[in-house]
Amino acid sequence: MALIEVEVACYSLLAGEDPVECERCRKPAKHLFCLDRPHPQIRWMRAALCDEHRKEFEESSSEIRFS
């Protein structure tokens, strides 16, 4: 299986906005990851994560370039 190189943007979720839950633990999410640019092989990518799971995601995603 070939790796797909994508650029991912990370946005901070501000307090006072509609609350979003972390997709892994249901704590309040503070970060939203999404594709920075469209990719022909990936239709959609989004992840809302708390601080703890953001760090895990970034450390385990060495093939993803964060912008």
PDB file of N, CA and C in Angstrom:
ATOM      1  N   MET A   1       0.842  -1.161   0.000  1.00  0.00           N
ATOM      2  CA  MET A   1       0.000   0.000   0.000  1.00  0.00           C
ATOM      3  C   MET A   1       0.902   1.244   0.000  1.00  0.00           C
ATOM      4  N   ALA A   2       0.664   2.161  -0.910  1.00  0.00           N
ATOM      5  CA  ALA A   2       1.448   3.377  -1.011  1.00  0.00           C
ATOM      6  C   ALA A   2       0.941   4.430  -0.029  1.00  0.00           C
ATOM      7  N   LEU A   3       1.880   5.201   0.508  1.00  0.00           N
ATOM      8  CA  LEU A   3       1.490   6.294   1.394  1.00  0.00           C
ATOM      9  C   LEU A   3       0.962   7.456   0.565  1.00  0.00           C
ATOM     10  N   ILE A   4       0.018   8.163   1.121  1.00  0.00           N
ATOM     11  CA  ILE A   4      -0.537   9.352   0.482  1.00  0.00           C
ATOM     12  C   ILE A   4      -0.069  10.552   1.288  1.00  0.00           C
ATOM     13  N   GLU A   5       0.592  11.486   0.629  1.00  0.00           N
ATOM     14  CA  GLU A   5       1.069  12.677   1.326  1.00  0.00           C
ATOM     15  C   GLU A   5      -0.009  13.756   1.260  1.00  0.00           C
ATOM     16  N   VAL A   6      -0.380  14.255   2.421  1.00  0.00           N
ATOM     17  CA  VAL A   6      -1.399  15.313   2.501  1.00  0.00           C
ATOM     18  C   VAL A   6      -0.899  16.411   3.431  1.00  0.00           C
ATOM     19  N   GLU A   7      -1.433  17.592   3.258  1.00  0.00           N
ATOM     20  CA  GLU A   7      -1.166  18.684   4.188  1.00  0.00           C
ATOM     21  C   GLU A   7      -2.415  18.902   5.021  1.00  0.00           C
ATOM     22  N   VAL A   8      -2.213  18.965   6.328  1.00  0.00           N
ATOM     23  CA  VAL A   8      -3.330  19.087   7.261  1.00  0.00           C
ATOM     24  C   VAL A   8      -3.208  20.406   8.016  1.00  0.00           C
ATOM     25  N   ALA A   9      -4.303  21.131   8.094  1.00  0.00           N
ATOM     26  CA  ALA A   9      -4.341  22.375   8.866  1.00  0.00           C
ATOM     27  C   ALA A   9      -4.927  22.085  10.238  1.00  0.00           C
ATOM     28  N   CYS A  10      -4.449  22.799  11.246  1.00  0.00           N
ATOM     29  CA  CYS A  10      -4.967  22.666  12.595  1.00  0.00           C
ATOM     30  C   CYS A  10      -5.496  24.026  13.030  1.00  0.00           C
ATOM     31  N   TYR A  11      -6.755  24.052  13.438  1.00  0.00           N
ATOM     32  CA  TYR A  11      -7.383  25.282  13.905  1.00  0.00           C
ATOM     33  C   TYR A  11      -7.731  25.128  15.373  1.00  0.00           C
ATOM     34  N   SER A  12      -7.517  26.181  16.158  1.00  0.00           N
ATOM     35  CA  SER A  12      -7.892  26.175  17.569  1.00  0.00           C
ATOM     36  C   SER A  12      -9.363  26.534  17.685  1.00  0.00           C
ATOM     37  N   LEU A  13     -10.074  25.778  18.498  1.00  0.00           N
ATOM     38  CA  LEU A  13     -11.482  26.075  18.768  1.00  0.00           C
ATOM     39  C   LEU A  13     -11.536  27.017  19.961  1.00  0.00           C
ATOM     40  N   LEU A  14     -12.216  28.136  19.812  1.00  0.00           N
ATOM     41  CA  LEU A  14     -12.265  29.152  20.853  1.00  0.00           C
ATOM     42  C   LEU A  14     -13.375  28.873  21.857  1.00  0.00           C
ATOM     43  N   ALA A  15     -13.124  29.254  23.096  1.00  0.00           N
ATOM     44  CA  ALA A  15     -14.160  29.150  24.122  1.00  0.00           C
ATOM     45  C   ALA A  15     -15.306  30.077  23.742  1.00  0.00           C
ATOM     46  N   GLY A  16     -16.508  29.666  23.999  1.00  0.00           N
ATOM     47  CA  GLY A  16     -17.664  30.476  23.667  1.00  0.00           C
ATOM     48  C   GLY A  16     -18.317  30.065  22.362  1.00  0.00           C
ATOM     49  N   GLU A  17     -17.588  29.333  21.513  1.00  0.00           N
ATOM     50  CA  GLU A  17     -18.191  28.793  20.303  1.00  0.00           C
ATOM     51  C   GLU A  17     -19.012  27.570  20.694  1.00  0.00           C
ATOM     52  N   ASP A  18     -19.797  27.057  19.767  1.00  0.00           N
ATOM     53  CA  ASP A  18     -20.556  25.837  20.050  1.00  0.00           C
ATOM     54  C   ASP A  18     -19.586  24.743  20.492  1.00  0.00           C
ATOM     55  N   PRO A  19     -19.847  24.087  21.631  1.00  0.00           N
ATOM     56  CA  PRO A  19     -18.908  23.072  22.118  1.00  0.00           C
ATOM     57  C   PRO A  19     -18.831  21.872  21.164  1.00  0.00           C
ATOM     58  N   VAL A  20     -17.618  21.361  21.022  1.00  0.00           N
ATOM     59  CA  VAL A  20     -17.356  20.188  20.192  1.00  0.00           C
ATOM     60  C   VAL A  20     -16.650  19.182  21.079  1.00  0.00           C
ATOM     61  N   GLU A  21     -17.026  17.914  20.967  1.00  0.00           N
ATOM     62  CA  GLU A  21     -16.403  16.872  21.783  1.00  0.00           C
ATOM     63  C   GLU A  21     -15.230  16.245  21.055  1.00  0.00           C
ATOM     64  N   CYS A  22     -14.198  15.859  21.828  1.00  0.00           N
ATOM     65  CA  CYS A  22     -13.078  15.105  21.287  1.00  0.00           C
ATOM     66  C   CYS A  22     -13.632  13.789  20.735  1.00  0.00           C
ATOM     67  N   GLU A  23     -13.177  13.415  19.556  1.00  0.00           N
ATOM     68  CA  GLU A  23     -13.692  12.206  18.914  1.00  0.00           C
ATOM     69  C   GLU A  23     -13.199  10.925  19.568  1.00  0.00           C
ATOM     70  N   ARG A  24     -12.224  11.029  20.476  1.00  0.00           N
ATOM     71  CA  ARG A  24     -11.698   9.827  21.118  1.00  0.00           C
ATOM     72  C   ARG A  24     -12.155   9.655  22.560  1.00  0.00           C
ATOM     73  N   CYS A  25     -12.370  10.782  23.294  1.00  0.00           N
ATOM     74  CA  CYS A  25     -12.686  10.632  24.725  1.00  0.00           C
ATOM     75  C   CYS A  25     -13.898  11.444  25.176  1.00  0.00           C
ATOM     76  N   ARG A  26     -14.469  12.248  24.316  1.00  0.00           N
ATOM     77  CA  ARG A  26     -15.660  13.064  24.601  1.00  0.00           C
ATOM     78  C   ARG A  26     -15.405  14.267  25.506  1.00  0.00           C
ATOM     79  N   LYS A  27     -14.131  14.541  25.859  1.00  0.00           N
ATOM     80  CA  LYS A  27     -13.813  15.778  26.569  1.00  0.00           C
ATOM     81  C   LYS A  27     -14.010  16.941  25.579  1.00  0.00           C
ATOM     82  N   PRO A  28     -14.062  18.181  26.075  1.00  0.00           N
ATOM     83  CA  PRO A  28     -14.172  19.303  25.136  1.00  0.00           C
ATOM     84  C   PRO A  28     -12.961  19.346  24.195  1.00  0.00           C
ATOM     85  N   ALA A  29     -13.221  19.423  22.910  1.00  0.00           N
ATOM     86  CA  ALA A  29     -12.148  19.496  21.917  1.00  0.00           C
ATOM     87  C   ALA A  29     -11.634  20.927  21.839  1.00  0.00           C
ATOM     88  N   LYS A  30     -10.342  21.056  21.641  1.00  0.00           N
ATOM     89  CA  LYS A  30      -9.737  22.377  21.515  1.00  0.00           C
ATOM     90  C   LYS A  30      -9.093  22.581  20.147  1.00  0.00           C
ATOM     91  N   HIS A  31      -9.031  21.525  19.337  1.00  0.00           N
ATOM     92  CA  HIS A  31      -8.330  21.593  18.056  1.00  0.00           C
ATOM     93  C   HIS A  31      -9.141  20.887  16.980  1.00  0.00           C
ATOM     94  N   LEU A  32      -9.152  21.463  15.807  1.00  0.00           N
ATOM     95  CA  LEU A  32      -9.848  20.872  14.668  1.00  0.00           C
ATOM     96  C   LEU A  32      -8.842  20.691  13.543  1.00  0.00           C
ATOM     97  N   PHE A  33      -8.662  19.451  13.113  1.00  0.00           N
ATOM     98  CA  PHE A  33      -7.758  19.132  12.007  1.00  0.00           C
ATOM     99  C   PHE A  33      -8.589  18.890  10.754  1.00  0.00           C
ATOM    100  N   CYS A  34      -8.146  19.386   9.631  1.00  0.00           N
ATOM    101  CA  CYS A  34      -8.818  19.120   8.356  1.00  0.00           C
ATOM    102  C   CYS A  34      -7.793  19.247   7.228  1.00  0.00           C
ATOM    103  N   LEU A  35      -8.152  18.730   6.051  1.00  0.00           N
ATOM    104  CA  LEU A  35      -7.250  18.828   4.911  1.00  0.00           C
ATOM    105  C   LEU A  35      -7.024  20.294   4.566  1.00  0.00           C
ATOM    106  N   ASP A  36      -5.770  20.652   4.336  1.00  0.00           N
ATOM    107  CA  ASP A  36      -5.434  22.023   3.964  1.00  0.00           C
ATOM    108  C   ASP A  36      -5.798  22.293   2.508  1.00  0.00           C
ATOM    109  N   ARG A  37      -5.658  21.260   1.682  1.00  0.00           N
ATOM    110  CA  ARG A  37      -6.003  21.359   0.257  1.00  0.00           C
ATOM    111  C   ARG A  37      -6.735  20.086  -0.157  1.00  0.00           C
ATOM    112  N   PRO A  38      -7.622  20.176  -1.131  1.00  0.00           N
ATOM    113  CA  PRO A  38      -8.301  18.967  -1.617  1.00  0.00           C
ATOM    114  C   PRO A  38      -7.289  17.944  -2.141  1.00  0.00           C
ATOM    115  N   HIS A  39      -7.608  16.692  -1.994  1.00  0.00           N
ATOM    116  CA  HIS A  39      -6.749  15.613  -2.499  1.00  0.00           C
ATOM    117  C   HIS A  39      -7.631  14.650  -3.289  1.00  0.00           C
ATOM    118  N   PRO A  40      -7.193  14.247  -4.499  1.00  0.00           N
ATOM    119  CA  PRO A  40      -8.046  13.399  -5.341  1.00  0.00           C
ATOM    120  C   PRO A  40      -8.377  12.031  -4.748  1.00  0.00           C
ATOM    121  N   GLN A  41      -7.556  11.512  -3.845  1.00  0.00           N
ATOM    122  CA  GLN A  41      -7.791  10.188  -3.277  1.00  0.00           C
ATOM    123  C   GLN A  41      -8.469  10.226  -1.905  1.00  0.00           C
ATOM    124  N   ILE A  42      -8.624  11.408  -1.333  1.00  0.00           N
ATOM    125  CA  ILE A  42      -9.250  11.530  -0.016  1.00  0.00           C
ATOM    126  C   ILE A  42     -10.431  12.472  -0.158  1.00  0.00           C
ATOM    127  N   ARG A  43     -11.611  11.970   0.102  1.00  0.00           N
ATOM    128  CA  ARG A  43     -12.813  12.776  -0.082  1.00  0.00           C
ATOM    129  C   ARG A  43     -13.029  13.745   1.073  1.00  0.00           C
ATOM    130  N   TRP A  44     -12.652  13.314   2.297  1.00  0.00           N
ATOM    131  CA  TRP A  44     -12.978  14.130   3.458  1.00  0.00           C
ATOM    132  C   TRP A  44     -12.095  13.708   4.612  1.00  0.00           C
ATOM    133  N   MET A  45     -11.652  14.668   5.397  1.00  0.00           N
ATOM    134  CA  MET A  45     -10.886  14.363   6.604  1.00  0.00           C
ATOM    135  C   MET A  45     -11.125  15.475   7.596  1.00  0.00           C
ATOM    136  N   ARG A  46     -11.528  15.118   8.789  1.00  0.00           N
ATOM    137  CA  ARG A  46     -11.749  16.080   9.868  1.00  0.00           C
ATOM    138  C   ARG A  46     -11.590  15.351  11.184  1.00  0.00           C
ATOM    139  N   ALA A  47     -10.928  15.981  12.144  1.00  0.00           N
ATOM    140  CA  ALA A  47     -10.793  15.395  13.471  1.00  0.00           C
ATOM    141  C   ALA A  47     -10.832  16.503  14.509  1.00  0.00           C
ATOM    142  N   ALA A  48     -11.741  16.391  15.465  1.00  0.00           N
ATOM    143  CA  ALA A  48     -11.801  17.313  16.596  1.00  0.00           C
ATOM    144  C   ALA A  48     -11.190  16.584  17.789  1.00  0.00           C
ATOM    145  N   LEU A  49     -10.142  17.188  18.401  1.00  0.00           N
ATOM    146  CA  LEU A  49      -9.410  16.498  19.455  1.00  0.00           C
ATOM    147  C   LEU A  49      -9.105  17.415  20.630  1.00  0.00           C
ATOM    148  N   CYS A  50      -9.015  16.807  21.824  1.00  0.00           N
ATOM    149  CA  CYS A  50      -8.584  17.536  23.020  1.00  0.00           C
ATOM    150  C   CYS A  50      -7.057  17.660  22.967  1.00  0.00           C
ATOM    151  N   ASP A  51      -6.461  18.376  23.935  1.00  0.00           N
ATOM    152  CA  ASP A  51      -5.005  18.572  23.948  1.00  0.00           C
ATOM    153  C   ASP A  51      -4.242  17.246  23.961  1.00  0.00           C
ATOM    154  N   GLU A  52      -4.679  16.316  24.817  1.00  0.00           N
ATOM    155  CA  GLU A  52      -3.989  15.028  24.960  1.00  0.00           C
ATOM    156  C   GLU A  52      -4.007  14.241  23.648  1.00  0.00           C
ATOM    157  N   HIS A  53      -5.168  14.143  23.019  1.00  0.00           N
ATOM    158  CA  HIS A  53      -5.274  13.354  21.793  1.00  0.00           C
ATOM    159  C   HIS A  53      -4.692  14.080  20.581  1.00  0.00           C
ATOM    160  N   ARG A  54      -4.607  15.414  20.638  1.00  0.00           N
ATOM    161  CA  ARG A  54      -3.932  16.153  19.565  1.00  0.00           C
ATOM    162  C   ARG A  54      -2.460  15.728  19.522  1.00  0.00           C
ATOM    163  N   LYS A  55      -1.823  15.681  20.703  1.00  0.00           N
ATOM    164  CA  LYS A  55      -0.410  15.304  20.762  1.00  0.00           C
ATOM    165  C   LYS A  55      -0.210  13.882  20.241  1.00  0.00           C
ATOM    166  N   GLU A  56      -1.062  12.960  20.672  1.00  0.00           N
ATOM    167  CA  GLU A  56      -0.998  11.568  20.189  1.00  0.00           C
ATOM    168  C   GLU A  56      -1.136  11.511  18.674  1.00  0.00           C
ATOM    169  N   PHE A  57      -2.112  12.255  18.133  1.00  0.00           N
ATOM    170  CA  PHE A  57      -2.381  12.270  16.691  1.00  0.00           C
ATOM    171  C   PHE A  57      -1.170  12.783  15.925  1.00  0.00           C
ATOM    172  N   GLU A  58      -0.579  13.882  16.384  1.00  0.00           N
ATOM    173  CA  GLU A  58       0.579  14.453  15.692  1.00  0.00           C
ATOM    174  C   GLU A  58       1.788  13.528  15.763  1.00  0.00           C
ATOM    175  N   GLU A  59       1.998  12.871  16.905  1.00  0.00           N
ATOM    176  CA  GLU A  59       3.138  11.970  17.057  1.00  0.00           C
ATOM    177  C   GLU A  59       2.976  10.702  16.227  1.00  0.00           C
ATOM    178  N   SER A  60       1.755  10.230  16.062  1.00  0.00           N
ATOM    179  CA  SER A  60       1.533   8.982  15.324  1.00  0.00           C
ATOM    180  C   SER A  60       1.349   9.209  13.829  1.00  0.00           C
ATOM    181  N   SER A  61       1.316  10.465  13.407  1.00  0.00           N
ATOM    182  CA  SER A  61       1.057  10.783  12.002  1.00  0.00           C
ATOM    183  C   SER A  61       2.298  11.365  11.330  1.00  0.00           C
ATOM    184  N   SER A  62       3.386  10.626  11.397  1.00  0.00           N
ATOM    185  CA  SER A  62       4.647  11.148  10.856  1.00  0.00           C
ATOM    186  C   SER A  62       4.599  11.354   9.343  1.00  0.00           C
ATOM    187  N   GLU A  63       3.699  10.664   8.655  1.00  0.00           N
ATOM    188  CA  GLU A  63       3.600  10.834   7.212  1.00  0.00           C
ATOM    189  C   GLU A  63       2.696  11.999   6.810  1.00  0.00           C
ATOM    190  N   ILE A  64       2.085  12.663   7.798  1.00  0.00           N
ATOM    191  CA  ILE A  64       1.221  13.802   7.519  1.00  0.00           C
ATOM    192  C   ILE A  64       1.998  15.080   7.789  1.00  0.00           C
ATOM    193  N   ARG A  65       1.944  16.001   6.863  1.00  0.00           N
ATOM    194  CA  ARG A  65       2.606  17.287   7.039  1.00  0.00           C
ATOM    195  C   ARG A  65       1.589  18.293   7.563  1.00  0.00           C
ATOM    196  N   PHE A  66       1.862  18.871   8.750  1.00  0.00           N
ATOM    197  CA  PHE A  66       0.946  19.833   9.349  1.00  0.00           C
ATOM    198  C   PHE A  66       1.325  21.237   8.918  1.00  0.00           C
ATOM    199  N   SER A  67       0.323  22.032   8.528  1.00  0.00           N
ATOM    200  CA  SER A  67       0.605  23.416   8.116  1.00  0.00           C
ATOM    201  C   SER A  67       0.049  24.382   9.134  1.00  0.00           C
TER     202      SER A  67
END
